[in-house]
Amino acid sequence: MKKILIVDDEPTILMALEYAFKKQNYEVFIARDGSEAIEIVKNKIPDIVLLDIMMPKVDGYQTLKDIKENENLKNIKVVFLTAKSKKADIEKGFSLGVDNYFTKPFSIKKIISEINILINES
């Protein structure tokens, strides 16, 4: 079973994405901030992390850095899902090693499709 970690501080987004990915036969893990996300990533080793940028405690940029700098975790695919839509934000995400970048508001169908493609490539 494919494993996904969804990281967002917005409960309605978490619930909608969790429901959608469970329907696609994913094992879904949820985190509400970056520090929680890192703990889950280390313990569950998901195939992919769907990550917000603006969160309390540890933001998405730092969470991405922590994943990519860890030898055991660096091959996990990471996708940003964020309200930050400026070109500079998107470029920063890719320069830090994000695998894809979606902006809010978003299409759940499109995200699922893109994530399935990413997972099947690895």
Protein backbone atom coordinates (compact mmCIF):
# COMPACT_ATOMS: atom_id res chain seq x y z
CA MET A 1 0.00 0.00 0.00
CA LYS A 2 1.28 3.47 -0.90
CA LYS A 3 1.88 5.76 2.08
CA ILE A 4 1.32 9.52 2.12
CA LEU A 5 1.89 12.09 4.84
CA ILE A 6 -0.32 15.18 4.58
CA VAL A 7 1.00 18.18 6.51
CA ASP A 8 -1.22 21.25 6.92
CA ASP A 9 -2.46 23.35 9.82
CA GLU A 10 -5.91 23.76 8.22
CA PRO A 11 -8.30 21.00 9.45
CA THR A 12 -10.70 21.20 6.48
CA ILE A 13 -7.85 20.71 4.00
CA LEU A 14 -6.48 17.78 6.01
CA MET A 15 -9.88 16.08 6.17
CA ALA A 16 -10.64 16.53 2.47
CA LEU A 17 -7.23 15.24 1.36
CA GLU A 18 -7.22 12.38 3.86
CA TYR A 19 -10.62 11.20 2.60
CA ALA A 20 -9.60 11.51 -1.07
CA PHE A 21 -6.33 9.60 -0.66
CA LYS A 22 -7.91 6.85 1.46
CA LYS A 23 -10.40 6.32 -1.38
CA GLN A 24 -7.36 5.84 -3.65
CA ASN A 25 -6.08 3.07 -1.32
CA TYR A 26 -3.32 5.12 0.29
CA GLU A 27 -2.29 4.67 3.89
CA VAL A 28 -2.64 8.26 5.14
CA PHE A 29 -0.74 9.96 7.96
CA ILE A 30 -1.57 13.47 9.18
CA ALA A 31 0.61 16.19 10.74
CA ARG A 32 -0.33 19.75 11.68
CA ASP A 33 3.15 21.28 11.68
CA GLY A 34 6.69 20.57 10.54
CA SER A 35 8.00 19.13 13.81
CA GLU A 36 5.13 16.61 13.93
CA ALA A 37 5.79 15.83 10.24
CA ILE A 38 9.48 15.01 10.80
CA GLU A 39 8.61 12.56 13.60
CA ILE A 40 6.09 10.76 11.37
CA VAL A 41 8.47 10.72 8.39
CA LYS A 42 11.21 9.11 10.51
CA ASN A 43 8.85 6.49 11.97
CA LYS A 44 6.57 5.66 9.03
CA ILE A 45 8.78 6.42 5.98
CA PRO A 46 5.97 7.51 3.62
CA ASP A 47 6.36 7.32 -0.16
CA ILE A 48 5.39 10.96 -0.46
CA VAL A 49 4.84 14.03 1.72
CA LEU A 50 2.24 16.64 0.77
CA LEU A 51 3.45 19.71 2.63
CA ASP A 52 2.11 23.17 3.40
CA ILE A 53 4.69 25.98 3.76
CA MET A 54 3.10 28.39 6.23
CA MET A 55 2.60 26.46 9.49
CA PRO A 56 3.20 27.00 13.21
CA LYS A 57 6.45 25.87 14.89
CA VAL A 58 8.42 24.58 11.87
CA ASP A 59 7.49 25.81 8.38
CA GLY A 60 7.43 23.75 5.20
CA TYR A 61 10.77 25.03 3.91
CA GLN A 62 12.58 23.85 7.06
CA THR A 63 10.67 20.56 7.05
CA LEU A 64 11.73 19.96 3.43
CA LYS A 65 15.37 20.75 4.32
CA ASP A 66 15.24 18.34 7.27
CA ILE A 67 13.91 15.55 5.03
CA LYS A 68 16.37 16.15 2.17
CA GLU A 69 19.40 16.44 4.49
CA ASN A 70 18.68 13.09 6.19
CA GLU A 71 20.42 10.18 4.44
CA ASN A 72 17.57 7.76 5.26
CA LEU A 73 14.79 10.13 4.15
CA LYS A 74 16.21 12.11 1.23
CA ASN A 75 14.60 9.90 -1.45
CA ILE A 76 11.07 10.52 -0.16
CA LYS A 77 9.11 12.59 -2.67
CA VAL A 78 7.93 15.95 -1.30
CA VAL A 79 5.21 18.11 -2.85
CA PHE A 80 4.31 21.59 -1.64
CA LEU A 81 0.63 22.53 -1.36
CA THR A 82 0.54 26.17 -0.33
CA ALA A 83 -1.04 29.59 -0.69
CA LYS A 84 2.41 31.00 -1.51
CA SER A 85 2.12 31.47 -5.27
CA LYS A 86 4.80 34.08 -6.05
CA LYS A 87 7.47 33.05 -8.53
CA ALA A 88 10.18 33.53 -5.86
CA ASP A 89 8.37 31.15 -3.47
CA ILE A 90 8.03 28.49 -6.17
CA GLU A 91 11.70 28.87 -7.17
CA LYS A 92 12.77 28.61 -3.52
CA GLY A 93 10.79 25.36 -3.17
CA PHE A 94 12.43 23.78 -6.20
CA SER A 95 15.89 25.01 -5.17
CA LEU A 96 15.41 23.21 -1.83
CA GLY A 97 14.51 19.98 -3.62
CA VAL A 98 10.69 19.84 -3.74
CA ASP A 99 9.38 17.42 -6.39
CA ASN A 100 6.25 19.37 -7.31
CA TYR A 101 4.48 22.57 -6.26
CA PHE A 102 0.71 23.19 -6.05
CA THR A 103 -0.96 26.41 -5.02
CA LYS A 104 -4.22 26.84 -3.11
CA PRO A 105 -7.02 26.78 -4.06
CA PHE A 106 -6.42 23.40 -5.65
CA SER A 107 -8.07 20.52 -7.46
CA ILE A 108 -7.95 17.31 -5.41
CA LYS A 109 -8.30 15.31 -8.64
CA LYS A 110 -5.23 17.01 -10.16
CA ILE A 111 -3.17 16.53 -6.99
CA ILE A 112 -4.03 12.82 -6.78
CA SER A 113 -3.18 12.38 -10.45
CA GLU A 114 0.20 14.16 -10.13
CA ILE A 115 1.09 12.30 -6.93
CA ASN A 116 0.27 8.94 -8.53
CA ILE A 117 2.63 9.86 -11.39
CA LEU A 118 5.40 10.84 -8.94
CA ILE A 119 5.06 7.65 -6.93
CA ASN A 120 5.01 5.45 -10.02
CA GLU A 121 8.24 7.09 -11.24
CA SER A 122 10.11 6.09 -8.07
